[in-house]
PDB file of all heavy atoms in Angstrom:
ATOM      1  N   ARG A   1    -186.449-216.275 -77.719  1.00  0.00           N
ATOM      2  CA  ARG A   1    -186.169-217.447 -76.880  1.00  0.00           C
ATOM      3  C   ARG A   1    -186.260-217.087 -75.399  1.00  0.00           C
ATOM      4  O   ARG A   1    -186.782-217.866 -74.587  1.00  0.00           O
ATOM      5  CB  ARG A   1    -184.776-217.981 -77.218  1.00  0.00           C
ATOM      6  CG  ARG A   1    -184.359-219.188 -76.396  1.00  0.00           C
ATOM      7  CD  ARG A   1    -183.011-219.735 -76.871  1.00  0.00           C
ATOM      8  NE  ARG A   1    -182.674-220.924 -76.106  1.00  0.00           N
ATOM      9  CZ  ARG A   1    -181.977-220.910 -74.972  1.00  0.00           C
ATOM     10  NH1 ARG A   1    -181.526-219.758 -74.481  1.00  0.00           N
ATOM     11  NH2 ARG A   1    -181.714-222.034 -74.338  1.00  0.00           N
ATOM     12  N   ALA A   2    -185.779-215.911 -75.043  1.00  0.00           N
ATOM     13  CA  ALA A   2    -185.845-215.482 -73.644  1.00  0.00           C
ATOM     14  C   ALA A   2    -187.278-215.217 -73.202  1.00  0.00           C
ATOM     15  O   ALA A   2    -187.607-215.327 -72.005  1.00  0.00           O
ATOM     16  CB  ALA A   2    -184.996-214.229 -73.454  1.00  0.00           C
ATOM     17  N   MET A   3    -188.148-214.866 -74.153  1.00  0.00           N
ATOM     18  CA  MET A   3    -189.552-214.601 -73.815  1.00  0.00           C
ATOM     19  C   MET A   3    -190.346-215.884 -73.573  1.00  0.00           C
ATOM     20  O   MET A   3    -191.338-215.872 -72.839  1.00  0.00           O
ATOM     21  CB  MET A   3    -190.228-213.824 -74.953  1.00  0.00           C
ATOM     22  CG  MET A   3    -189.683-212.443 -75.210  1.00  0.00           C
ATOM     23  SD  MET A   3    -190.536-211.706 -76.635  1.00  0.00           S
ATOM     24  CE  MET A   3    -189.502-210.279 -76.928  1.00  0.00           C
ATOM     25  N   LEU A   4    -189.928-216.983 -74.199  1.00  0.00           N
ATOM     26  CA  LEU A   4    -190.740-218.195 -74.181  1.00  0.00           C
ATOM     27  C   LEU A   4    -191.046-218.710 -72.770  1.00  0.00           C
ATOM     28  O   LEU A   4    -192.217-219.014 -72.469  1.00  0.00           O
ATOM     29  CB  LEU A   4    -190.075-219.285 -75.028  1.00  0.00           C
ATOM     30  CG  LEU A   4    -190.822-220.615 -75.112  1.00  0.00           C
ATOM     31  CD1 LEU A   4    -192.233-220.409 -75.667  1.00  0.00           C
ATOM     32  CD2 LEU A   4    -190.040-221.621 -75.967  1.00  0.00           C
ATOM     33  N   PRO A   5    -190.058-218.839 -71.869  1.00  0.00           N
ATOM     34  CA  PRO A   5    -190.396-219.331 -70.521  1.00  0.00           C
ATOM     35  C   PRO A   5    -191.436-218.459 -69.822  1.00  0.00           C
ATOM     36  O   PRO A   5    -192.303-218.968 -69.103  1.00  0.00           O
ATOM     37  CB  PRO A   5    -189.054-219.304 -69.783  1.00  0.00           C
ATOM     38  CG  PRO A   5    -188.026-219.389 -70.859  1.00  0.00           C
ATOM     39  CD  PRO A   5    -188.596-218.628 -72.013  1.00  0.00           C
ATOM     40  N   HIS A   6    -191.378-217.152 -70.029  1.00  0.00           N
ATOM     41  CA  HIS A   6    -192.329-216.248 -69.387  1.00  0.00           C
ATOM     42  C   HIS A   6    -193.723-216.402 -69.989  1.00  0.00           C
ATOM     43  O   HIS A   6    -194.729-216.327 -69.267  1.00  0.00           O
ATOM     44  CB  HIS A   6    -191.848-214.804 -69.514  1.00  0.00           C
ATOM     45  CG  HIS A   6    -190.547-214.554 -68.819  1.00  0.00           C
ATOM     46  ND1 HIS A   6    -190.458-214.311 -67.458  1.00  0.00           N
ATOM     47  CD2 HIS A   6    -189.265-214.535 -69.289  1.00  0.00           C
ATOM     48  CE1 HIS A   6    -189.192-214.150 -67.121  1.00  0.00           C
ATOM     49  NE2 HIS A   6    -188.452-214.277 -68.212  1.00  0.00           N
ATOM     50  N   ARG A   7    -193.791-216.641 -71.303  1.00  0.00           N
ATOM     51  CA  ARG A   7    -195.092-216.857 -71.926  1.00  0.00           C
ATOM     52  C   ARG A   7    -195.699-218.182 -71.465  1.00  0.00           C
ATOM     53  O   ARG A   7    -196.903-218.282 -71.226  1.00  0.00           O
ATOM     54  CB  ARG A   7    -194.950-216.834 -73.450  1.00  0.00           C
ATOM     55  CG  ARG A   7    -194.521-215.478 -74.019  1.00  0.00           C
ATOM     56  CD  ARG A   7    -195.525-214.375 -73.650  1.00  0.00           C
ATOM     57  NE  ARG A   7    -196.869-214.743 -74.056  1.00  0.00           N
ATOM     58  CZ  ARG A   7    -197.355-214.534 -75.279  1.00  0.00           C
ATOM     59  NH1 ARG A   7    -196.592-213.964 -76.204  1.00  0.00           N
ATOM     60  NH2 ARG A   7    -198.594-214.893 -75.575  1.00  0.00           N
ATOM     61  N   LEU A   8    -194.858-219.202 -71.345  1.00  0.00           N
ATOM     62  CA  LEU A   8    -195.343-220.487 -70.832  1.00  0.00           C
ATOM     63  C   LEU A   8    -195.803-220.355 -69.386  1.00  0.00           C
ATOM     64  O   LEU A   8    -196.848-220.908 -68.979  1.00  0.00           O
ATOM     65  CB  LEU A   8    -194.248-221.548 -70.941  1.00  0.00           C
ATOM     66  CG  LEU A   8    -193.810-221.927 -72.365  1.00  0.00           C
ATOM     67  CD1 LEU A   8    -192.609-222.869 -72.313  1.00  0.00           C
ATOM     68  CD2 LEU A   8    -194.956-222.563 -73.143  1.00  0.00           C
ATOM     69  N   ALA A   9    -195.045-219.624 -68.573  1.00  0.00           N
ATOM     70  CA  ALA A   9    -195.414-219.414 -67.172  1.00  0.00           C
ATOM     71  C   ALA A   9    -196.729-218.652 -67.077  1.00  0.00           C
ATOM     72  O   ALA A   9    -197.567-218.921 -66.190  1.00  0.00           O
ATOM     73  CB  ALA A   9    -194.304-218.658 -66.443  1.00  0.00           C
ATOM     74  N   HIS A  10    -196.925-217.694 -67.987  1.00  0.00           N
ATOM     75  CA  HIS A  10    -198.186-216.940 -67.983  1.00  0.00           C
ATOM     76  C   HIS A  10    -199.368-217.862 -68.268  1.00  0.00           C
ATOM     77  O   HIS A  10    -200.445-217.725 -67.646  1.00  0.00           O
ATOM     78  CB  HIS A  10    -198.118-215.825 -69.024  1.00  0.00           C
ATOM     79  CG  HIS A  10    -199.387-215.031 -69.119  1.00  0.00           C
ATOM     80  ND1 HIS A  10    -199.777-214.137 -68.159  1.00  0.00           N
ATOM     81  CD2 HIS A  10    -200.382-215.022 -70.069  1.00  0.00           C
ATOM     82  CE1 HIS A  10    -200.936-213.600 -68.497  1.00  0.00           C
ATOM     83  NE2 HIS A  10    -201.330-214.116 -69.656  1.00  0.00           N
ATOM     84  N   ALA A  11    -199.169-218.809 -69.218  1.00  0.00           N
ATOM     85  CA  ALA A  11    -200.241-219.766 -69.510  1.00  0.00           C
ATOM     86  C   ALA A  11    -200.576-220.608 -68.278  1.00  0.00           C
ATOM     87  O   ALA A  11    -201.751-220.924 -68.010  1.00  0.00           O
ATOM     88  CB  ALA A  11    -199.827-220.668 -70.678  1.00  0.00           C
ATOM     89  N   VAL A  12    -199.568-220.976 -67.486  1.00  0.00           N
ATOM     90  CA  VAL A  12    -199.802-221.725 -66.245  1.00  0.00           C
ATOM     91  C   VAL A  12    -200.563-220.857 -65.247  1.00  0.00           C
ATOM     92  O   VAL A  12    -201.510-221.325 -64.578  1.00  0.00           O
ATOM     93  CB  VAL A  12    -198.462-222.211 -65.653  1.00  0.00           C
ATOM     94  CG1 VAL A  12    -198.681-222.826 -64.272  1.00  0.00           C
ATOM     95  CG2 VAL A  12    -197.794-223.215 -66.587  1.00  0.00           C
ATOM     96  N   LEU A  13    -200.185-219.574 -65.132  1.00  0.00           N
ATOM     97  CA  LEU A  13    -200.857-218.683 -64.184  1.00  0.00           C
ATOM     98  C   LEU A  13    -202.326-218.481 -64.538  1.00  0.00           C
ATOM     99  O   LEU A  13    -203.175-218.353 -63.644  1.00  0.00           O
ATOM    100  CB  LEU A  13    -200.139-217.326 -64.133  1.00  0.00           C
ATOM    101  CG  LEU A  13    -199.235-217.136 -62.898  1.00  0.00           C
ATOM    102  CD1 LEU A  13    -198.061-218.120 -62.958  1.00  0.00           C
ATOM    103  CD2 LEU A  13    -198.726-215.711 -62.824  1.00  0.00           C
ATOM    104  N   VAL A  14    -202.623-218.434 -65.823  1.00  0.00           N
ATOM    105  CA  VAL A  14    -204.022-218.304 -66.242  1.00  0.00           C
ATOM    106  C   VAL A  14    -204.833-219.494 -65.721  1.00  0.00           C
ATOM    107  O   VAL A  14    -205.969-219.344 -65.241  1.00  0.00           O
ATOM    108  CB  VAL A  14    -204.120-218.198 -67.776  1.00  0.00           C
ATOM    109  CG1 VAL A  14    -205.569-218.322 -68.234  1.00  0.00           C
ATOM    110  CG2 VAL A  14    -203.528-216.875 -68.251  1.00  0.00           C
ATOM    111  N   GLN A  15    -204.247-220.682 -65.802  1.00  0.00           N
ATOM    112  CA  GLN A  15    -204.938-221.876 -65.280  1.00  0.00           C
ATOM    113  C   GLN A  15    -205.089-221.796 -63.763  1.00  0.00           C
ATOM    114  O   GLN A  15    -206.125-222.192 -63.201  1.00  0.00           O
ATOM    115  CB  GLN A  15    -204.168-223.142 -65.679  1.00  0.00           C
ATOM    116  CG  GLN A  15    -204.164-223.421 -67.174  1.00  0.00           C
ATOM    117  CD  GLN A  15    -203.561-224.777 -67.498  1.00  0.00           C
ATOM    118  OE1 GLN A  15    -203.522-225.665 -66.648  1.00  0.00           O
ATOM    119  NE2 GLN A  15    -203.112-224.939 -68.740  1.00  0.00           N
ATOM    120  N   MET A  16    -204.037-221.299 -63.089  1.00  0.00           N
ATOM    121  CA  MET A  16    -204.129-221.152 -61.628  1.00  0.00           C
ATOM    122  C   MET A  16    -205.269-220.208 -61.244  1.00  0.00           C
ATOM    123  O   MET A  16    -206.043-220.469 -60.311  1.00  0.00           O
ATOM    124  CB  MET A  16    -202.810-220.614 -61.070  1.00  0.00           C
ATOM    125  CG  MET A  16    -201.650-221.601 -61.132  1.00  0.00           C
ATOM    126  SD  MET A  16    -200.147-220.853 -60.448  1.00  0.00           S
ATOM    127  CE  MET A  16    -199.006-222.235 -60.565  1.00  0.00           C
ATOM    128  N   GLU A  17    -205.371-219.106 -61.949  1.00  0.00           N
ATOM    129  CA  GLU A  17    -206.428-218.148 -61.648  1.00  0.00           C
ATOM    130  C   GLU A  17    -207.797-218.752 -61.921  1.00  0.00           C
ATOM    131  O   GLU A  17    -208.763-218.519 -61.170  1.00  0.00           O
ATOM    132  CB  GLU A  17    -206.216-216.877 -62.479  1.00  0.00           C
ATOM    133  CG  GLU A  17    -205.006-216.066 -62.043  1.00  0.00           C
ATOM    134  CD  GLU A  17    -204.685-214.939 -63.008  1.00  0.00           C
ATOM    135  OE1 GLU A  17    -205.260-214.943 -64.127  1.00  0.00           O
ATOM    136  OE2 GLU A  17    -203.875-214.068 -62.657  1.00  0.00           O
ATOM    137  N   SER A  18    -207.898-219.543 -63.006  1.00  0.00           N
ATOM    138  CA  SER A  18    -209.177-220.190 -63.329  1.00  0.00           C
ATOM    139  C   SER A  18    -209.572-221.187 -62.248  1.00  0.00           C
ATOM    140  O   SER A  18    -210.765-221.459 -62.024  1.00  0.00           O
ATOM    141  CB  SER A  18    -209.087-220.904 -64.685  1.00  0.00           C
ATOM    142  OG  SER A  18    -208.819-219.983 -65.711  1.00  0.00           O
ATOM    143  N   ALA A  19    -208.547-221.748 -61.558  1.00  0.00           N
ATOM    144  CA  ALA A  19    -208.820-222.718 -60.492  1.00  0.00           C
ATOM    145  C   ALA A  19    -209.087-222.037 -59.157  1.00  0.00           C
ATOM    146  O   ALA A  19    -209.278-222.711 -58.138  1.00  0.00           O
ATOM    147  CB  ALA A  19    -207.648-223.682 -60.366  1.00  0.00           C
ATOM    148  N   GLY A  20    -209.086-220.701 -59.116  1.00  0.00           N
ATOM    149  CA  GLY A  20    -209.401-219.990 -57.886  1.00  0.00           C
ATOM    150  C   GLY A  20    -208.207-219.469 -57.135  1.00  0.00           C
ATOM    151  O   GLY A  20    -208.364-218.807 -56.101  1.00  0.00           O
ATOM    152  N   ASP A  21    -206.958-219.729 -57.599  1.00  0.00           N
ATOM    153  CA  ASP A  21    -205.768-219.198 -56.932  1.00  0.00           C
ATOM    154  C   ASP A  21    -205.602-217.713 -57.271  1.00  0.00           C
ATOM    155  O   ASP A  21    -206.215-217.194 -58.213  1.00  0.00           O
ATOM    156  CB  ASP A  21    -204.521-219.962 -57.366  1.00  0.00           C
ATOM    157  CG  ASP A  21    -204.505-221.384 -56.813  1.00  0.00           C
ATOM    158  OD1 ASP A  21    -205.349-221.680 -55.944  1.00  0.00           O
ATOM    159  OD2 ASP A  21    -203.665-222.187 -57.271  1.00  0.00           O
ATOM    160  N   SER A  22    -204.716-217.047 -56.530  1.00  0.00           N
ATOM    161  CA  SER A  22    -204.420-215.628 -56.780  1.00  0.00           C
ATOM    162  C   SER A  22    -202.912-215.424 -56.896  1.00  0.00           C
ATOM    163  O   SER A  22    -202.279-214.773 -56.042  1.00  0.00           O
ATOM    164  CB  SER A  22    -204.993-214.758 -55.654  1.00  0.00           C
ATOM    165  OG  SER A  22    -206.389-214.926 -55.550  1.00  0.00           O
ATOM    166  N   PRO A  23    -202.294-215.997 -57.906  1.00  0.00           N
ATOM    167  CA  PRO A  23    -200.835-215.870 -58.053  1.00  0.00           C
ATOM    168  C   PRO A  23    -200.445-214.448 -58.447  1.00  0.00           C
ATOM    169  O   PRO A  23    -201.185-213.756 -59.143  1.00  0.00           O
ATOM    170  CB  PRO A  23    -200.516-216.867 -59.173  1.00  0.00           C
ATOM    171  CG  PRO A  23    -201.763-216.915 -59.999  1.00  0.00           C
ATOM    172  CD  PRO A  23    -202.904-216.756 -59.033  1.00  0.00           C
ATOM    173  N   ASP A  24    -199.260-214.004 -57.997  1.00  0.00           N
ATOM    174  CA  ASP A  24    -198.757-212.680 -58.385  1.00  0.00           C
ATOM    175  C   ASP A  24    -197.545-212.838 -59.302  1.00  0.00           C
ATOM    176  O   ASP A  24    -197.203-213.946 -59.731  1.00  0.00           O
ATOM    177  CB  ASP A  24    -198.403-211.860 -57.148  1.00  0.00           C
ATOM    178  CG  ASP A  24    -197.400-212.570 -56.235  1.00  0.00           C
ATOM    179  OD1 ASP A  24    -196.727-213.513 -56.710  1.00  0.00           O
ATOM    180  OD2 ASP A  24    -197.291-212.178 -55.054  1.00  0.00           O
ATOM    181  N   ASP A  25    -196.866-211.715 -59.568  1.00  0.00           N
ATOM    182  CA  ASP A  25    -195.728-211.723 -60.495  1.00  0.00           C
ATOM    183  C   ASP A  25    -194.596-212.599 -59.983  1.00  0.00           C
ATOM    184  O   ASP A  25    -193.855-213.197 -60.769  1.00  0.00           O
ATOM    185  CB  ASP A  25    -195.213-210.300 -60.720  1.00  0.00           C
ATOM    186  CG  ASP A  25    -196.187-209.459 -61.531  1.00  0.00           C
ATOM    187  OD1 ASP A  25    -197.080-210.057 -62.163  1.00  0.00           O
ATOM    188  OD2 ASP A  25    -196.048-208.220 -61.530  1.00  0.00           O
ATOM    189  N   ARG A  26    -194.457-212.686 -58.641  1.00  0.00           N
ATOM    190  CA  ARG A  26    -193.383-213.516 -58.098  1.00  0.00           C
ATOM    191  C   ARG A  26    -193.617-214.987 -58.420  1.00  0.00           C
ATOM    192  O   ARG A  26    -192.679-215.727 -58.703  1.00  0.00           O
ATOM    193  CB  ARG A  26    -193.284-213.320 -56.588  1.00  0.00           C
ATOM    194  CG  ARG A  26    -192.751-211.946 -56.170  1.00  0.00           C
ATOM    195  CD  ARG A  26    -192.799-211.770 -54.681  1.00  0.00           C
ATOM    196  NE  ARG A  26    -194.186-211.826 -54.195  1.00  0.00           N
ATOM    197  CZ  ARG A  26    -194.523-211.777 -52.911  1.00  0.00           C
ATOM    198  NH1 ARG A  26    -193.567-211.697 -51.982  1.00  0.00           N
ATOM    199  NH2 ARG A  26    -195.800-211.830 -52.542  1.00  0.00           N
ATOM    200  N   VAL A  27    -194.866-215.384 -58.410  1.00  0.00           N
ATOM    201  CA  VAL A  27    -195.182-216.765 -58.758  1.00  0.00           C
ATOM    202  C   VAL A  27    -194.874-217.022 -60.227  1.00  0.00           C
ATOM    203  O   VAL A  27    -194.293-218.054 -60.584  1.00  0.00           O
ATOM    204  CB  VAL A  27    -196.664-217.081 -58.448  1.00  0.00           C
ATOM    205  CG1 VAL A  27    -197.026-218.483 -58.943  1.00  0.00           C
ATOM    206  CG2 VAL A  27    -196.937-216.949 -56.960  1.00  0.00           C
ATOM    207  N   GLN A  28    -195.243-216.061 -61.086  1.00  0.00           N
ATOM    208  CA  GLN A  28    -194.960-216.237 -62.512  1.00  0.00           C
ATOM    209  C   GLN A  28    -193.461-216.349 -62.747  1.00  0.00           C
ATOM    210  O   GLN A  28    -192.999-217.181 -63.532  1.00  0.00           O
ATOM    211  CB  GLN A  28    -195.526-215.085 -63.332  1.00  0.00           C
ATOM    212  CG  GLN A  28    -195.234-215.233 -64.837  1.00  0.00           C
ATOM    213  CD  GLN A  28    -195.962-214.205 -65.677  1.00  0.00           C
ATOM    214  OE1 GLN A  28    -196.975-213.672 -65.267  1.00  0.00           O
ATOM    215  NE2 GLN A  28    -195.444-213.953 -66.864  1.00  0.00           N
ATOM    216  N   GLY A  29    -192.672-215.508 -62.048  1.00  0.00           N
ATOM    217  CA  GLY A  29    -191.225-215.577 -62.203  1.00  0.00           C
ATOM    218  C   GLY A  29    -190.670-216.907 -61.748  1.00  0.00           C
ATOM    219  O   GLY A  29    -189.775-217.474 -62.383  1.00  0.00           O
ATOM    220  N   ALA A  30    -191.206-217.418 -60.636  1.00  0.00           N
ATOM    221  CA  ALA A  30    -190.733-218.710 -60.120  1.00  0.00           C
ATOM    222  C   ALA A  30    -191.071-219.833 -61.087  1.00  0.00           C
ATOM    223  O   ALA A  30    -190.260-220.751 -61.305  1.00  0.00           O
ATOM    224  CB  ALA A  30    -191.356-218.976 -58.756  1.00  0.00           C
ATOM    225  N   VAL A  31    -192.271-219.797 -61.674  1.00  0.00           N
ATOM    226  CA  VAL A  31    -192.647-220.824 -62.649  1.00  0.00           C
ATOM    227  C   VAL A  31    -191.749-220.742 -63.882  1.00  0.00           C
ATOM    228  O   VAL A  31    -191.290-221.764 -64.407  1.00  0.00           O
ATOM    229  CB  VAL A  31    -194.135-220.675 -63.044  1.00  0.00           C
ATOM    230  CG1 VAL A  31    -194.479-221.619 -64.195  1.00  0.00           C
ATOM    231  CG2 VAL A  31    -195.033-220.932 -61.851  1.00  0.00           C
ATOM    232  N   ALA A  32    -191.470-219.497 -64.357  1.00  0.00           N
ATOM    233  CA  ALA A  32    -190.626-219.335 -65.544  1.00  0.00           C
ATOM    234  C   ALA A  32    -189.223-219.874 -65.299  1.00  0.00           C
ATOM    235  O   ALA A  32    -188.574-220.383 -66.228  1.00  0.00           O
ATOM    236  CB  ALA A  32    -190.573-217.861 -65.943  1.00  0.00           C
ATOM    237  N   ARG A  33    -188.752-219.776 -64.036  1.00  0.00           N
ATOM    238  CA  ARG A  33    -187.399-220.243 -63.713  1.00  0.00           C
ATOM    239  C   ARG A  33    -187.363-221.710 -63.300  1.00  0.00           C
ATOM    240  O   ARG A  33    -186.286-222.266 -63.092  1.00  0.00           O
ATOM    241  CB  ARG A  33    -186.807-219.392 -62.589  1.00  0.00           C
ATOM    242  CG  ARG A  33    -186.559-217.940 -62.973  1.00  0.00           C
ATOM    243  CD  ARG A  33    -185.751-217.236 -61.888  1.00  0.00           C
ATOM    244  NE  ARG A  33    -186.461-217.242 -60.595  1.00  0.00           N
ATOM    245  CZ  ARG A  33    -187.324-216.308 -60.202  1.00  0.00           C
ATOM    246  NH1 ARG A  33    -187.608-215.295 -61.019  1.00  0.00           N
ATOM    247  NH2 ARG A  33    -187.906-216.378 -59.014  1.00  0.00           N
ATOM    248  N   SER A  34    -188.503-222.320 -63.178  1.00  0.00           N
ATOM    249  CA  SER A  34    -188.545-223.713 -62.707  1.00  0.00           C
ATOM    250  C   SER A  34    -187.908-224.654 -63.716  1.00  0.00           C
ATOM    251  O   SER A  34    -187.890-224.388 -64.927  1.00  0.00           O
ATOM    252  CB  SER A  34    -189.994-224.137 -62.441  1.00  0.00           C
ATOM    253  OG  SER A  34    -190.731-224.190 -63.655  1.00  0.00           O
ATOM    254  N   ARG A  35    -187.384-225.763 -63.212  1.00  0.00           N
ATOM    255  CA  ARG A  35    -186.679-226.716 -64.066  1.00  0.00           C
ATOM    256  C   ARG A  35    -187.557-227.280 -65.188  1.00  0.00           C
ATOM    257  O   ARG A  35    -187.100-227.346 -66.337  1.00  0.00           O
ATOM    258  CB  ARG A  35    -186.099-227.837 -63.207  1.00  0.00           C
ATOM    259  CG  ARG A  35    -185.256-228.830 -64.005  1.00  0.00           C
ATOM    260  CD  ARG A  35    -184.584-229.830 -63.090  1.00  0.00           C
ATOM    261  NE  ARG A  35    -183.692-229.152 -62.150  1.00  0.00           N
ATOM    262  CZ  ARG A  35    -183.035-229.786 -61.186  1.00  0.00           C
ATOM    263  NH1 ARG A  35    -183.195-231.094 -61.011  1.00  0.00           N
ATOM    264  NH2 ARG A  35    -182.234-229.121 -60.374  1.00  0.00           N
ATOM    265  N   PRO A  36    -188.807-227.655 -64.950  1.00  0.00           N
ATOM    266  CA  PRO A  36    -189.620-228.202 -66.047  1.00  0.00           C
ATOM    267  C   PRO A  36    -189.844-227.196 -67.175  1.00  0.00           C
ATOM    268  O   PRO A  36    -189.787-227.555 -68.354  1.00  0.00           O
ATOM    269  CB  PRO A  36    -190.940-228.577 -65.359  1.00  0.00           C
ATOM    270  CG  PRO A  36    -190.588-228.767 -63.924  1.00  0.00           C
ATOM    271  CD  PRO A  36    -189.516-227.773 -63.644  1.00  0.00           C
ATOM    272  N   VAL A  37    -190.121-225.933 -66.801  1.00  0.00           N
ATOM    273  CA  VAL A  37    -190.371-224.916 -67.836  1.00  0.00           C
ATOM    274  C   VAL A  37    -189.093-224.616 -68.615  1.00  0.00           C
ATOM    275  O   VAL A  37    -189.106-224.524 -69.846  1.00  0.00           O
ATOM    276  CB  VAL A  37    -190.955-223.637 -67.206  1.00  0.00           C
ATOM    277  CG1 VAL A  37    -191.013-222.511 -68.243  1.00  0.00           C
ATOM    278  CG2 VAL A  37    -192.334-223.909 -66.634  1.00  0.00           C
TER     279      VAL A  37
END
């Protein structure tokens, strides 16, 4: 259960990278902690 938000955040980061962004680990952590995720 604790892994799930991080796996979901990773899926979002993959899309960001495909769109030309360059997110780092801090971005992934912020997405994993975000209210929607």
